[in-house]
Amino acid sequence: VSTQSTWGLSWGASKLVDVAYGVKKLQIMLTIVDDKVGSDDLEDAITGITDYVQSMDIVVWNKI
């Protein structure tokens, strides 16, 4: 997921969190420059990685 790169996007720390029955979710912190990176475009790019991503939830956005 963090291979998606563009100007205005900075990836932060990440960790795998147990959900249930051996299922894990990946939590990633990121910061975006709102004028340069659209949140919808970023979400489409992440959910488009269908081999690894089943769904996506936004917990917190850090926008500059």
Protein backbone atom coordinates (compact mmCIF):
# COMPACT_ATOMS: atom_id res chain seq x y z
CA VAL A 1 0.00 0.00 0.00
CA SER A 2 2.76 2.43 0.89
CA THR A 3 4.26 2.03 -2.59
CA GLN A 4 1.65 4.55 -3.75
CA SER A 5 3.63 7.76 -3.93
CA THR A 6 2.96 11.25 -5.14
CA TRP A 7 3.98 14.75 -4.22
CA GLY A 8 2.06 15.86 -1.13
CA LEU A 9 1.78 12.37 0.39
CA SER A 10 3.94 11.24 3.33
CA TRP A 11 3.60 7.75 4.77
CA GLY A 12 4.14 7.31 8.49
CA ALA A 13 4.26 4.37 10.87
CA SER A 14 2.29 1.20 10.21
CA LYS A 15 1.32 -1.89 12.20
CA LEU A 16 -0.72 -5.07 11.88
CA VAL A 17 -3.58 -5.35 14.37
CA ASP A 18 -5.41 -8.60 15.19
CA VAL A 19 -9.13 -8.43 14.43
CA ALA A 20 -10.50 -11.96 14.97
CA TYR A 21 -9.93 -15.58 13.91
CA GLY A 22 -6.47 -14.89 12.49
CA VAL A 23 -7.64 -11.91 10.43
CA LYS A 24 -5.43 -8.84 10.70
CA LYS A 25 -5.84 -5.27 9.60
CA LEU A 26 -3.10 -2.89 8.58
CA GLN A 27 -3.14 0.54 10.20
CA ILE A 28 -1.06 3.20 8.46
CA MET A 29 -0.54 6.82 9.40
CA LEU A 30 -0.16 9.33 6.59
CA THR A 31 -0.15 13.04 5.97
CA ILE A 32 -1.43 14.65 2.80
CA VAL A 33 -1.30 18.15 1.36
CA ASP A 34 -4.98 18.76 0.69
CA ASP A 35 -4.43 20.89 -2.43
CA LYS A 36 -2.19 18.25 -4.07
CA VAL A 37 -3.71 14.88 -3.07
CA GLY A 38 -7.41 14.13 -3.27
CA SER A 39 -8.72 11.84 -0.55
CA ASP A 40 -11.03 10.08 -3.02
CA ASP A 41 -8.14 9.44 -5.41
CA LEU A 42 -6.04 8.00 -2.61
CA GLU A 43 -8.87 5.76 -1.42
CA ASP A 44 -9.45 4.49 -4.97
CA ALA A 45 -5.74 3.74 -5.37
CA ILE A 46 -5.60 1.77 -2.10
CA THR A 47 -8.79 -0.24 -2.64
CA GLY A 48 -7.66 -0.93 -6.21
CA ILE A 49 -4.97 -3.28 -4.84
CA THR A 50 -7.43 -6.17 -4.77
CA ASP A 51 -4.81 -8.88 -4.12
CA TYR A 52 -4.14 -7.49 -0.64
CA VAL A 53 -6.89 -4.99 0.23
CA GLN A 54 -10.44 -6.09 0.95
CA SER A 55 -11.77 -2.86 2.42
CA MET A 56 -10.62 0.44 3.84
CA ASP A 57 -11.72 2.53 6.82
CA ILE A 58 -10.58 6.06 7.47
CA VAL A 59 -9.90 6.62 11.16
CA VAL A 60 -8.09 9.95 11.05
CA TRP A 61 -6.88 12.19 8.21
CA ASN A 62 -3.92 14.50 8.73
CA LYS A 63 -4.21 17.26 6.17
CA ILE A 64 -1.91 20.21 5.68
